[in-house]
């Protein structure tokens, strides 16, 4: 399936699920920060640097999956979202079979 050659219904589902996936991603990152913030055996500066490194790494991931959503970017962004495990199987079932097949293949490529 060529990028952009998916039904309008898939685009509508993507726009709806993208918001849900973004919330899940952000919650996961915030949950990951909690232990770093509470680690009193490290100095404030060491904790700050650890938080900064994590957020910088996660910023690259969030950009790939969520920044500038367009129809032409839906397939790679959906694959990135799926590679992070941000959608449930029943949510993926909402896409057409062709889109799901493409996403499954690309997700395997992302996680290699």
PDB file of N, CA and C in Angstrom:
ATOM      1  N   UNK A   1       0.854  -1.180   0.000  1.00  0.00           N
ATOM      2  CA  UNK A   1       0.000   0.000   0.000  1.00  0.00           C
ATOM      3  C   UNK A   1       0.891   1.230   0.000  1.00  0.00           C
ATOM      4  N   UNK A   2       0.693   2.092  -0.945  1.00  0.00           N
ATOM      5  CA  UNK A   2       1.480   3.315  -1.040  1.00  0.00           C
ATOM      6  C   UNK A   2       1.031   4.294   0.035  1.00  0.00           C
ATOM      7  N   UNK A   3       1.979   5.113   0.491  1.00  0.00           N
ATOM      8  CA  UNK A   3       1.651   6.125   1.487  1.00  0.00           C
ATOM      9  C   UNK A   3       0.573   7.032   0.896  1.00  0.00           C
ATOM     10  N   UNK A   4      -0.476   7.260   1.649  1.00  0.00           N
ATOM     11  CA  UNK A   4      -1.552   8.112   1.194  1.00  0.00           C
ATOM     12  C   UNK A   4      -2.665   7.365   0.476  1.00  0.00           C
ATOM     13  N   UNK A   5      -2.483   6.074   0.210  1.00  0.00           N
ATOM     14  CA  UNK A   5      -3.520   5.317  -0.509  1.00  0.00           C
ATOM     15  C   UNK A   5      -4.316   4.458   0.468  1.00  0.00           C
ATOM     16  N   UNK A   6      -4.952   5.083   1.399  1.00  0.00           N
ATOM     17  CA  UNK A   6      -5.768   4.394   2.384  1.00  0.00           C
ATOM     18  C   UNK A   6      -7.117   5.108   2.417  1.00  0.00           C
ATOM     19  N   UNK A   7      -8.149   4.427   2.870  1.00  0.00           N
ATOM     20  CA  UNK A   7      -9.482   5.033   2.882  1.00  0.00           C
ATOM     21  C   UNK A   7      -9.605   6.200   3.862  1.00  0.00           C
ATOM     22  N   UNK A   8     -10.523   7.080   3.556  1.00  0.00           N
ATOM     23  CA  UNK A   8     -10.818   8.216   4.432  1.00  0.00           C
ATOM     24  C   UNK A   8     -11.182   7.743   5.838  1.00  0.00           C
ATOM     25  N   UNK A   9     -11.862   6.600   5.922  1.00  0.00           N
ATOM     26  CA  UNK A   9     -12.258   6.086   7.237  1.00  0.00           C
ATOM     27  C   UNK A   9     -11.033   5.804   8.115  1.00  0.00           C
ATOM     28  N   UNK A  10      -9.929   5.343   7.510  1.00  0.00           N
ATOM     29  CA  UNK A  10      -8.705   5.094   8.283  1.00  0.00           C
ATOM     30  C   UNK A  10      -8.111   6.401   8.803  1.00  0.00           C
ATOM     31  N   UNK A  11      -8.181   7.444   7.994  1.00  0.00           N
ATOM     32  CA  UNK A  11      -7.672   8.752   8.420  1.00  0.00           C
ATOM     33  C   UNK A  11      -8.470   9.254   9.623  1.00  0.00           C
ATOM     34  N   UNK A  12      -9.781   9.088   9.591  1.00  0.00           N
ATOM     35  CA  UNK A  12     -10.625   9.534  10.703  1.00  0.00           C
ATOM     36  C   UNK A  12     -10.322   8.739  11.975  1.00  0.00           C
ATOM     37  N   UNK A  13     -10.138   7.441  11.844  1.00  0.00           N
ATOM     38  CA  UNK A  13      -9.789   6.607  12.999  1.00  0.00           C
ATOM     39  C   UNK A  13      -8.416   7.021  13.535  1.00  0.00           C
ATOM     40  N   UNK A  14      -7.482   7.239  12.637  1.00  0.00           N
ATOM     41  CA  UNK A  14      -6.135   7.656  13.044  1.00  0.00           C
ATOM     42  C   UNK A  14      -6.182   8.944  13.857  1.00  0.00           C
ATOM     43  N   UNK A  15      -6.918   9.933  13.382  1.00  0.00           N
ATOM     44  CA  UNK A  15      -6.981  11.221  14.088  1.00  0.00           C
ATOM     45  C   UNK A  15      -7.579  11.051  15.486  1.00  0.00           C
ATOM     46  N   UNK A  16      -8.554  10.181  15.592  1.00  0.00           N
ATOM     47  CA  UNK A  16      -9.166   9.927  16.892  1.00  0.00           C
ATOM     48  C   UNK A  16      -8.201   9.186  17.819  1.00  0.00           C
ATOM     49  N   UNK A  17      -7.588   8.122  17.323  1.00  0.00           N
ATOM     50  CA  UNK A  17      -6.711   7.300  18.164  1.00  0.00           C
ATOM     51  C   UNK A  17      -5.367   7.970  18.449  1.00  0.00           C
ATOM     52  N   UNK A  18      -4.952   8.867  17.578  1.00  0.00           N
ATOM     53  CA  UNK A  18      -3.681   9.558  17.798  1.00  0.00           C
ATOM     54  C   UNK A  18      -3.716  10.332  19.115  1.00  0.00           C
ATOM     55  N   UNK A  19      -4.819  10.976  19.404  1.00  0.00           N
ATOM     56  CA  UNK A  19      -4.936  11.734  20.656  1.00  0.00           C
ATOM     57  C   UNK A  19      -4.855  10.798  21.869  1.00  0.00           C
ATOM     58  N   UNK A  20      -5.506   9.670  21.779  1.00  0.00           N
ATOM     59  CA  UNK A  20      -5.474   8.678  22.853  1.00  0.00           C
ATOM     60  C   UNK A  20      -4.049   8.143  23.038  1.00  0.00           C
ATOM     61  N   UNK A  21      -3.391   7.833  21.934  1.00  0.00           N
ATOM     62  CA  UNK A  21      -2.026   7.307  21.999  1.00  0.00           C
ATOM     63  C   UNK A  21      -1.060   8.345  22.569  1.00  0.00           C
ATOM     64  N   UNK A  22      -1.246   9.605  22.216  1.00  0.00           N
ATOM     65  CA  UNK A  22      -0.391  10.668  22.749  1.00  0.00           C
ATOM     66  C   UNK A  22      -0.534  10.770  24.265  1.00  0.00           C
ATOM     67  N   UNK A  23      -1.758  10.682  24.763  1.00  0.00           N
ATOM     68  CA  UNK A  23      -1.973  10.711  26.204  1.00  0.00           C
ATOM     69  C   UNK A  23      -1.289   9.523  26.882  1.00  0.00           C
ATOM     70  N   UNK A  24      -1.388   8.355  26.278  1.00  0.00           N
ATOM     71  CA  UNK A  24      -0.739   7.164  26.838  1.00  0.00           C
ATOM     72  C   UNK A  24       0.774   7.322  26.839  1.00  0.00           C
ATOM     73  N   UNK A  25       1.323   7.864  25.761  1.00  0.00           N
ATOM     74  CA  UNK A  25       2.771   8.077  25.679  1.00  0.00           C
ATOM     75  C   UNK A  25       3.224   9.022  26.785  1.00  0.00           C
ATOM     76  N   UNK A  26       2.531  10.143  26.917  1.00  0.00           N
ATOM     77  CA  UNK A  26       2.921  11.134  27.926  1.00  0.00           C
ATOM     78  C   UNK A  26       2.790  10.587  29.338  1.00  0.00           C
ATOM     79  N   UNK A  27       1.743   9.823  29.597  1.00  0.00           N
ATOM     80  CA  UNK A  27       1.583   9.212  30.918  1.00  0.00           C
ATOM     81  C   UNK A  27       2.751   8.272  31.204  1.00  0.00           C
ATOM     82  N   UNK A  28       3.136   7.493  30.220  1.00  0.00           N
ATOM     83  CA  UNK A  28       4.249   6.552  30.389  1.00  0.00           C
ATOM     84  C   UNK A  28       5.545   7.303  30.725  1.00  0.00           C
ATOM     85  N   UNK A  29       5.795   8.397  30.030  1.00  0.00           N
ATOM     86  CA  UNK A  29       7.005   9.186  30.290  1.00  0.00           C
ATOM     87  C   UNK A  29       6.950   9.788  31.686  1.00  0.00           C
ATOM     88  N   UNK A  30       5.816  10.352  32.052  1.00  0.00           N
ATOM     89  CA  UNK A  30       5.689  10.939  33.388  1.00  0.00           C
ATOM     90  C   UNK A  30       5.840   9.892  34.482  1.00  0.00           C
ATOM     91  N   UNK A  31       5.311   8.696  34.233  1.00  0.00           N
ATOM     92  CA  UNK A  31       5.495   7.599  35.194  1.00  0.00           C
ATOM     93  C   UNK A  31       6.971   7.218  35.312  1.00  0.00           C
ATOM     94  N   UNK A  32       7.690   7.249  34.198  1.00  0.00           N
ATOM     95  CA  UNK A  32       9.124   6.936  34.211  1.00  0.00           C
ATOM     96  C   UNK A  32       9.932   7.982  34.966  1.00  0.00           C
ATOM     97  N   UNK A  33       9.439   9.210  34.993  1.00  0.00           N
ATOM     98  CA  UNK A  33      10.154  10.291  35.679  1.00  0.00           C
ATOM     99  C   UNK A  33      10.053  10.198  37.197  1.00  0.00           C
ATOM    100  N   UNK A  34       8.966   9.670  37.697  1.00  0.00           N
ATOM    101  CA  UNK A  34       8.726   9.665  39.143  1.00  0.00           C
ATOM    102  C   UNK A  34       9.885   9.051  39.945  1.00  0.00           C
ATOM    103  N   UNK A  35      10.357   7.843  39.594  1.00  0.00           N
ATOM    104  CA  UNK A  35      11.472   7.290  40.372  1.00  0.00           C
ATOM    105  C   UNK A  35      12.733   8.160  40.314  1.00  0.00           C
ATOM    106  N   UNK A  36      12.984   8.782  39.181  1.00  0.00           N
ATOM    107  CA  UNK A  36      14.161   9.648  39.053  1.00  0.00           C
ATOM    108  C   UNK A  36      14.060  10.843  39.991  1.00  0.00           C
ATOM    109  N   UNK A  37      12.879  11.403  40.066  1.00  0.00           N
ATOM    110  CA  UNK A  37      12.676  12.586  40.896  1.00  0.00           C
ATOM    111  C   UNK A  37      12.787  12.272  42.381  1.00  0.00           C
ATOM    112  N   UNK A  38      12.456  11.066  42.748  1.00  0.00           N
ATOM    113  CA  UNK A  38      12.435  10.678  44.157  1.00  0.00           C
ATOM    114  C   UNK A  38      13.709   9.970  44.611  1.00  0.00           C
ATOM    115  N   UNK A  39      14.669   9.844  43.743  1.00  0.00           N
ATOM    116  CA  UNK A  39      15.912   9.132  44.084  1.00  0.00           C
ATOM    117  C   UNK A  39      16.825  10.060  44.885  1.00  0.00           C
ATOM    118  N   UNK A  40      16.702  10.011  46.193  1.00  0.00           N
ATOM    119  CA  UNK A  40      17.424  10.945  47.061  1.00  0.00           C
ATOM    120  C   UNK A  40      18.906  10.612  47.210  1.00  0.00           C
ATOM    121  N   UNK A  41      19.332   9.457  46.734  1.00  0.00           N
ATOM    122  CA  UNK A  41      20.759   9.116  46.826  1.00  0.00           C
ATOM    123  C   UNK A  41      21.581   9.896  45.796  1.00  0.00           C
ATOM    124  N   UNK A  42      20.921  10.540  44.875  1.00  0.00           N
ATOM    125  CA  UNK A  42      21.614  11.342  43.858  1.00  0.00           C
ATOM    126  C   UNK A  42      21.360  12.821  44.132  1.00  0.00           C
ATOM    127  N   UNK A  43      22.294  13.645  43.709  1.00  0.00           N
ATOM    128  CA  UNK A  43      22.134  15.088  43.912  1.00  0.00           C
ATOM    129  C   UNK A  43      21.003  15.626  43.016  1.00  0.00           C
ATOM    130  N   UNK A  44      20.564  16.816  43.339  1.00  0.00           N
ATOM    131  CA  UNK A  44      19.537  17.463  42.521  1.00  0.00           C
ATOM    132  C   UNK A  44      20.018  17.597  41.077  1.00  0.00           C
ATOM    133  N   UNK A  45      21.266  17.959  40.927  1.00  0.00           N
ATOM    134  CA  UNK A  45      21.815  18.131  39.588  1.00  0.00           C
ATOM    135  C   UNK A  45      21.858  16.804  38.831  1.00  0.00           C
ATOM    136  N   UNK A  46      22.266  15.744  39.486  1.00  0.00           N
ATOM    137  CA  UNK A  46      22.292  14.427  38.839  1.00  0.00           C
ATOM    138  C   UNK A  46      20.879  14.005  38.415  1.00  0.00           C
ATOM    139  N   UNK A  47      19.917  14.265  39.274  1.00  0.00           N
ATOM    140  CA  UNK A  47      18.530  13.926  38.926  1.00  0.00           C
ATOM    141  C   UNK A  47      18.028  14.780  37.771  1.00  0.00           C
ATOM    142  N   UNK A  48      18.386  16.048  37.798  1.00  0.00           N
ATOM    143  CA  UNK A  48      18.011  16.942  36.704  1.00  0.00           C
ATOM    144  C   UNK A  48      18.575  16.430  35.383  1.00  0.00           C
ATOM    145  N   UNK A  49      19.846  16.062  35.387  1.00  0.00           N
ATOM    146  CA  UNK A  49      20.473  15.564  34.156  1.00  0.00           C
ATOM    147  C   UNK A  49      19.821  14.269  33.673  1.00  0.00           C
ATOM    148  N   UNK A  50      19.468  13.393  34.591  1.00  0.00           N
ATOM    149  CA  UNK A  50      18.798  12.144  34.213  1.00  0.00           C
ATOM    150  C   UNK A  50      17.431  12.435  33.585  1.00  0.00           C
ATOM    151  N   UNK A  51      16.696  13.358  34.193  1.00  0.00           N
ATOM    152  CA  UNK A  51      15.396  13.741  33.656  1.00  0.00           C
ATOM    153  C   UNK A  51      15.568  14.375  32.276  1.00  0.00           C
ATOM    154  N   UNK A  52      16.538  15.245  32.144  1.00  0.00           N
ATOM    155  CA  UNK A  52      16.792  15.916  30.870  1.00  0.00           C
ATOM    156  C   UNK A  52      17.121  14.899  29.774  1.00  0.00           C
ATOM    157  N   UNK A  53      17.978  13.926  30.080  1.00  0.00           N
ATOM    158  CA  UNK A  53      18.335  12.902  29.093  1.00  0.00           C
ATOM    159  C   UNK A  53      17.121  12.086  28.674  1.00  0.00           C
ATOM    160  N   UNK A  54      16.308  11.707  29.639  1.00  0.00           N
ATOM    161  CA  UNK A  54      15.109  10.932  29.317  1.00  0.00           C
ATOM    162  C   UNK A  54      14.157  11.748  28.440  1.00  0.00           C
ATOM    163  N   UNK A  55      13.924  12.991  28.822  1.00  0.00           N
ATOM    164  CA  UNK A  55      13.001  13.819  28.048  1.00  0.00           C
ATOM    165  C   UNK A  55      13.526  14.101  26.648  1.00  0.00           C
ATOM    166  N   UNK A  56      14.821  14.270  26.511  1.00  0.00           N
ATOM    167  CA  UNK A  56      15.397  14.490  25.175  1.00  0.00           C
ATOM    168  C   UNK A  56      15.201  13.256  24.302  1.00  0.00           C
ATOM    169  N   UNK A  57      15.420  12.079  24.864  1.00  0.00           N
ATOM    170  CA  UNK A  57      15.224  10.840  24.105  1.00  0.00           C
ATOM    171  C   UNK A  57      13.745  10.653  23.760  1.00  0.00           C
ATOM    172  N   UNK A  58      12.881  10.907  24.699  1.00  0.00           N
ATOM    173  CA  UNK A  58      11.449  10.738  24.464  1.00  0.00           C
ATOM    174  C   UNK A  58      10.918  11.797  23.507  1.00  0.00           C
ATOM    175  N   UNK A  59      11.531  12.974  23.488  1.00  0.00           N
ATOM    176  CA  UNK A  59      11.110  14.020  22.567  1.00  0.00           C
ATOM    177  C   UNK A  59      11.302  13.581  21.117  1.00  0.00           C
ATOM    178  N   UNK A  60      12.387  12.879  20.845  1.00  0.00           N
ATOM    179  CA  UNK A  60      12.615  12.359  19.502  1.00  0.00           C
ATOM    180  C   UNK A  60      11.545  11.329  19.139  1.00  0.00           C
ATOM    181  N   UNK A  61      11.194  10.482  20.086  1.00  0.00           N
ATOM    182  CA  UNK A  61      10.168   9.462  19.848  1.00  0.00           C
ATOM    183  C   UNK A  61       8.800  10.096  19.630  1.00  0.00           C
ATOM    184  N   UNK A  62       8.470  11.078  20.455  1.00  0.00           N
ATOM    185  CA  UNK A  62       7.160  11.717  20.335  1.00  0.00           C
ATOM    186  C   UNK A  62       7.050  12.485  19.017  1.00  0.00           C
ATOM    187  N   UNK A  63       8.138  13.084  18.591  1.00  0.00           N
ATOM    188  CA  UNK A  63       8.126  13.818  17.324  1.00  0.00           C
ATOM    189  C   UNK A  63       7.852  12.875  16.162  1.00  0.00           C
ATOM    190  N   UNK A  64       8.520  11.746  16.160  1.00  0.00           N
ATOM    191  CA  UNK A  64       8.343  10.778  15.072  1.00  0.00           C
ATOM    192  C   UNK A  64       6.905  10.281  14.990  1.00  0.00           C
ATOM    193  N   UNK A  65       6.286  10.073  16.113  1.00  0.00           N
ATOM    194  CA  UNK A  65       4.952   9.484  16.142  1.00  0.00           C
ATOM    195  C   UNK A  65       3.814  10.507  16.067  1.00  0.00           C
ATOM    196  N   UNK A  66       4.052  11.749  16.501  1.00  0.00           N
ATOM    197  CA  UNK A  66       2.918  12.655  16.678  1.00  0.00           C
ATOM    198  C   UNK A  66       3.048  14.029  16.036  1.00  0.00           C
ATOM    199  N   UNK A  67       4.233  14.499  15.747  1.00  0.00           N
ATOM    200  CA  UNK A  67       4.365  15.855  15.223  1.00  0.00           C
ATOM    201  C   UNK A  67       3.827  15.971  13.799  1.00  0.00           C
ATOM    202  N   UNK A  68       3.157  17.070  13.546  1.00  0.00           N
ATOM    203  CA  UNK A  68       2.696  17.445  12.208  1.00  0.00           C
ATOM    204  C   UNK A  68       1.919  16.325  11.513  1.00  0.00           C
ATOM    205  N   UNK A  69       0.819  15.870  12.123  1.00  0.00           N
ATOM    206  CA  UNK A  69       0.055  14.793  11.494  1.00  0.00           C
ATOM    207  C   UNK A  69      -0.599  15.257  10.193  1.00  0.00           C
ATOM    208  N   UNK A  70      -0.314  14.535   9.155  1.00  0.00           N
ATOM    209  CA  UNK A  70      -0.912  14.783   7.838  1.00  0.00           C
ATOM    210  C   UNK A  70      -1.260  13.445   7.235  1.00  0.00           C
ATOM    211  N   UNK A  71      -2.148  13.475   6.276  1.00  0.00           N
ATOM    212  CA  UNK A  71      -2.524  12.227   5.601  1.00  0.00           C
ATOM    213  C   UNK A  71      -1.293  11.546   5.014  1.00  0.00           C
ATOM    214  N   UNK A  72      -0.377  12.315   4.477  1.00  0.00           N
ATOM    215  CA  UNK A  72       0.817  11.738   3.846  1.00  0.00           C
ATOM    216  C   UNK A  72       1.755  11.097   4.866  1.00  0.00           C
ATOM    217  N   UNK A  73       1.586  11.418   6.131  1.00  0.00           N
ATOM    218  CA  UNK A  73       2.445  10.880   7.191  1.00  0.00           C
ATOM    219  C   UNK A  73       1.721   9.860   8.072  1.00  0.00           C
ATOM    220  N   UNK A  74       0.460   9.584   7.786  1.00  0.00           N
ATOM    221  CA  UNK A  74      -0.324   8.721   8.657  1.00  0.00           C
ATOM    222  C   UNK A  74       0.300   7.335   8.829  1.00  0.00           C
ATOM    223  N   UNK A  75       0.661   6.696   7.751  1.00  0.00           N
ATOM    224  CA  UNK A  75       1.164   5.322   7.832  1.00  0.00           C
ATOM    225  C   UNK A  75       2.446   5.246   8.668  1.00  0.00           C
ATOM    226  N   UNK A  76       3.481   6.062   8.391  1.00  0.00           N
ATOM    227  CA  UNK A  76       4.674   5.971   9.248  1.00  0.00           C
ATOM    228  C   UNK A  76       4.415   6.372  10.694  1.00  0.00           C
ATOM    229  N   UNK A  77       3.535   7.347  10.907  1.00  0.00           N
ATOM    230  CA  UNK A  77       3.242   7.739  12.282  1.00  0.00           C
ATOM    231  C   UNK A  77       2.465   6.646  13.003  1.00  0.00           C
ATOM    232  N   UNK A  78       1.530   6.032  12.317  1.00  0.00           N
ATOM    233  CA  UNK A  78       0.778   4.939  12.929  1.00  0.00           C
ATOM    234  C   UNK A  78       1.700   3.771  13.259  1.00  0.00           C
ATOM    235  N   UNK A  79       2.644   3.495  12.382  1.00  0.00           N
ATOM    236  CA  UNK A  79       3.609   2.429  12.660  1.00  0.00           C
ATOM    237  C   UNK A  79       4.464   2.779  13.875  1.00  0.00           C
ATOM    238  N   UNK A  80       4.862   4.036  13.999  1.00  0.00           N
ATOM    239  CA  UNK A  80       5.644   4.460  15.166  1.00  0.00           C
ATOM    240  C   UNK A  80       4.815   4.327  16.437  1.00  0.00           C
ATOM    241  N   UNK A  81       3.565   4.740  16.388  1.00  0.00           N
ATOM    242  CA  UNK A  81       2.669   4.619  17.540  1.00  0.00           C
ATOM    243  C   UNK A  81       2.543   3.154  17.952  1.00  0.00           C
ATOM    244  N   UNK A  82       2.356   2.288  16.966  1.00  0.00           N
ATOM    245  CA  UNK A  82       2.207   0.858  17.257  1.00  0.00           C
ATOM    246  C   UNK A  82       3.510   0.256  17.778  1.00  0.00           C
ATOM    247  N   UNK A  83       4.637   0.710  17.269  1.00  0.00           N
ATOM    248  CA  UNK A  83       5.913   0.165  17.733  1.00  0.00           C
ATOM    249  C   UNK A  83       6.172   0.485  19.202  1.00  0.00           C
ATOM    250  N   UNK A  84       5.528   1.525  19.709  1.00  0.00           N
ATOM    251  CA  UNK A  84       5.631   1.876  21.126  1.00  0.00           C
ATOM    252  C   UNK A  84       4.545   1.197  21.958  1.00  0.00           C
ATOM    253  N   UNK A  85       3.718   0.385  21.314  1.00  0.00           N
ATOM    254  CA  UNK A  85       2.681  -0.339  22.041  1.00  0.00           C
ATOM    255  C   UNK A  85       1.599   0.565  22.614  1.00  0.00           C
ATOM    256  N   UNK A  86       1.246   1.618  21.892  1.00  0.00           N
ATOM    257  CA  UNK A  86       0.320   2.610  22.421  1.00  0.00           C
ATOM    258  C   UNK A  86      -1.139   2.384  22.035  1.00  0.00           C
ATOM    259  N   UNK A  87      -1.391   1.366  21.220  1.00  0.00           N
ATOM    260  CA  UNK A  87      -2.767   1.049  20.837  1.00  0.00           C
ATOM    261  C   UNK A  87      -3.088  -0.388  21.198  1.00  0.00           C
ATOM    262  N   UNK A  88      -4.308  -0.593  21.624  1.00  0.00           N
ATOM    263  CA  UNK A  88      -4.800  -1.921  21.969  1.00  0.00           C
ATOM    264  C   UNK A  88      -5.212  -2.657  20.694  1.00  0.00           C
ATOM    265  N   UNK A  89      -5.179  -3.995  20.705  1.00  0.00           N
ATOM    266  CA  UNK A  89      -5.573  -4.760  19.511  1.00  0.00           C
ATOM    267  C   UNK A  89      -6.957  -4.381  18.978  1.00  0.00           C
ATOM    268  N   UNK A  90      -7.917  -4.156  19.858  1.00  0.00           N
ATOM    269  CA  UNK A  90      -9.259  -3.806  19.398  1.00  0.00           C
ATOM    270  C   UNK A  90      -9.290  -2.430  18.747  1.00  0.00           C
ATOM    271  N   UNK A  91      -8.385  -1.545  19.144  1.00  0.00           N
ATOM    272  CA  UNK A  91      -8.296  -0.228  18.504  1.00  0.00           C
ATOM    273  C   UNK A  91      -7.721  -0.369  17.098  1.00  0.00           C
ATOM    274  N   UNK A  92      -6.720  -1.225  16.948  1.00  0.00           N
ATOM    275  CA  UNK A  92      -6.143  -1.464  15.624  1.00  0.00           C
ATOM    276  C   UNK A  92      -7.145  -2.118  14.682  1.00  0.00           C
ATOM    277  N   UNK A  93      -8.054  -2.893  15.231  1.00  0.00           N
ATOM    278  CA  UNK A  93      -9.078  -3.556  14.417  1.00  0.00           C
ATOM    279  C   UNK A  93      -9.999  -2.552  13.724  1.00  0.00           C
ATOM    280  N   UNK A  94      -9.990  -1.334  14.160  1.00  0.00           N
ATOM    281  CA  UNK A  94     -10.841  -0.312  13.549  1.00  0.00           C
ATOM    282  C   UNK A  94     -10.332   0.119  12.172  1.00  0.00           C
ATOM    283  N   UNK A  95      -9.067  -0.170  11.881  1.00  0.00           N
ATOM    284  CA  UNK A  95      -8.512   0.162  10.569  1.00  0.00           C
ATOM    285  C   UNK A  95      -8.879  -0.921   9.559  1.00  0.00           C
ATOM    286  N   UNK A  96      -8.834  -0.555   8.297  1.00  0.00           N
ATOM    287  CA  UNK A  96      -9.136  -1.524   7.240  1.00  0.00           C
ATOM    288  C   UNK A  96      -8.036  -2.589   7.194  1.00  0.00           C
ATOM    289  N   UNK A  97      -8.346  -3.775   6.670  1.00  0.00           N
ATOM    290  CA  UNK A  97      -7.350  -4.856   6.603  1.00  0.00           C
ATOM    291  C   UNK A  97      -6.057  -4.452   5.885  1.00  0.00           C
ATOM    292  N   UNK A  98      -6.171  -3.703   4.806  1.00  0.00           N
ATOM    293  CA  UNK A  98      -4.962  -3.287   4.078  1.00  0.00           C
ATOM    294  C   UNK A  98      -4.056  -2.402   4.908  1.00  0.00           C
ATOM    295  N   UNK A  99      -4.653  -1.486   5.621  1.00  0.00           N
ATOM    296  CA  UNK A  99      -3.872  -0.591   6.490  1.00  0.00           C
ATOM    297  C   UNK A  99      -3.244  -1.388   7.628  1.00  0.00           C
ATOM    298  N   UNK A 100      -4.006  -2.291   8.224  1.00  0.00           N
ATOM    299  CA  UNK A 100      -3.458  -3.115   9.319  1.00  0.00           C
ATOM    300  C   UNK A 100      -2.275  -3.944   8.841  1.00  0.00           C
ATOM    301  N   UNK A 101      -2.376  -4.529   7.657  1.00  0.00           N
ATOM    302  CA  UNK A 101      -1.268  -5.338   7.126  1.00  0.00           C
ATOM    303  C   UNK A 101      -0.023  -4.480   6.947  1.00  0.00           C
ATOM    304  N   UNK A 102      -0.198  -3.296   6.392  1.00  0.00           N
ATOM    305  CA  UNK A 102       0.941  -2.387   6.193  1.00  0.00           C
ATOM    306  C   UNK A 102       1.557  -1.995   7.525  1.00  0.00           C
ATOM    307  N   UNK A 103       0.713  -1.677   8.503  1.00  0.00           N
ATOM    308  CA  UNK A 103       1.200  -1.247   9.820  1.00  0.00           C
ATOM    309  C   UNK A 103       1.935  -2.391  10.524  1.00  0.00           C
ATOM    310  N   UNK A 104       1.403  -3.584  10.433  1.00  0.00           N
ATOM    311  CA  UNK A 104       2.070  -4.739  11.047  1.00  0.00           C
ATOM    312  C   UNK A 104       3.466  -4.913  10.471  1.00  0.00           C
ATOM    313  N   UNK A 105       3.590  -4.801   9.160  1.00  0.00           N
ATOM    314  CA  UNK A 105       4.901  -4.960   8.508  1.00  0.00           C
ATOM    315  C   UNK A 105       5.850  -3.841   8.946  1.00  0.00           C
ATOM    316  N   UNK A 106       5.364  -2.598   8.905  1.00  0.00           N
ATOM    317  CA  UNK A 106       6.225  -1.471   9.284  1.00  0.00           C
ATOM    318  C   UNK A 106       6.600  -1.497  10.753  1.00  0.00           C
ATOM    319  N   UNK A 107       5.684  -1.929  11.600  1.00  0.00           N
ATOM    320  CA  UNK A 107       5.971  -2.014  13.037  1.00  0.00           C
ATOM    321  C   UNK A 107       7.115  -2.988  13.283  1.00  0.00           C
ATOM    322  N   UNK A 108       7.134  -4.090  12.568  1.00  0.00           N
ATOM    323  CA  UNK A 108       8.239  -5.046  12.691  1.00  0.00           C
ATOM    324  C   UNK A 108       9.544  -4.377  12.280  1.00  0.00           C
ATOM    325  N   UNK A 109       9.505  -3.544  11.247  1.00  0.00           N
ATOM    326  CA  UNK A 109      10.706  -2.829  10.803  1.00  0.00           C
ATOM    327  C   UNK A 109      11.168  -1.825  11.855  1.00  0.00           C
ATOM    328  N   UNK A 110      10.226  -1.116  12.482  1.00  0.00           N
ATOM    329  CA  UNK A 110      10.570  -0.153  13.527  1.00  0.00           C
ATOM    330  C   UNK A 110      11.224  -0.811  14.725  1.00  0.00           C
ATOM    331  N   UNK A 111      10.792  -2.006  15.055  1.00  0.00           N
ATOM    332  CA  UNK A 111      11.269  -2.662  16.281  1.00  0.00           C
ATOM    333  C   UNK A 111      12.446  -3.574  16.048  1.00  0.00           C
ATOM    334  N   UNK A 112      12.984  -3.597  14.868  1.00  0.00           N
ATOM    335  CA  UNK A 112      14.168  -4.417  14.583  1.00  0.00           C
ATOM    336  C   UNK A 112      15.372  -3.935  15.320  1.00  0.00           C
TER     337      UNK A 112
END
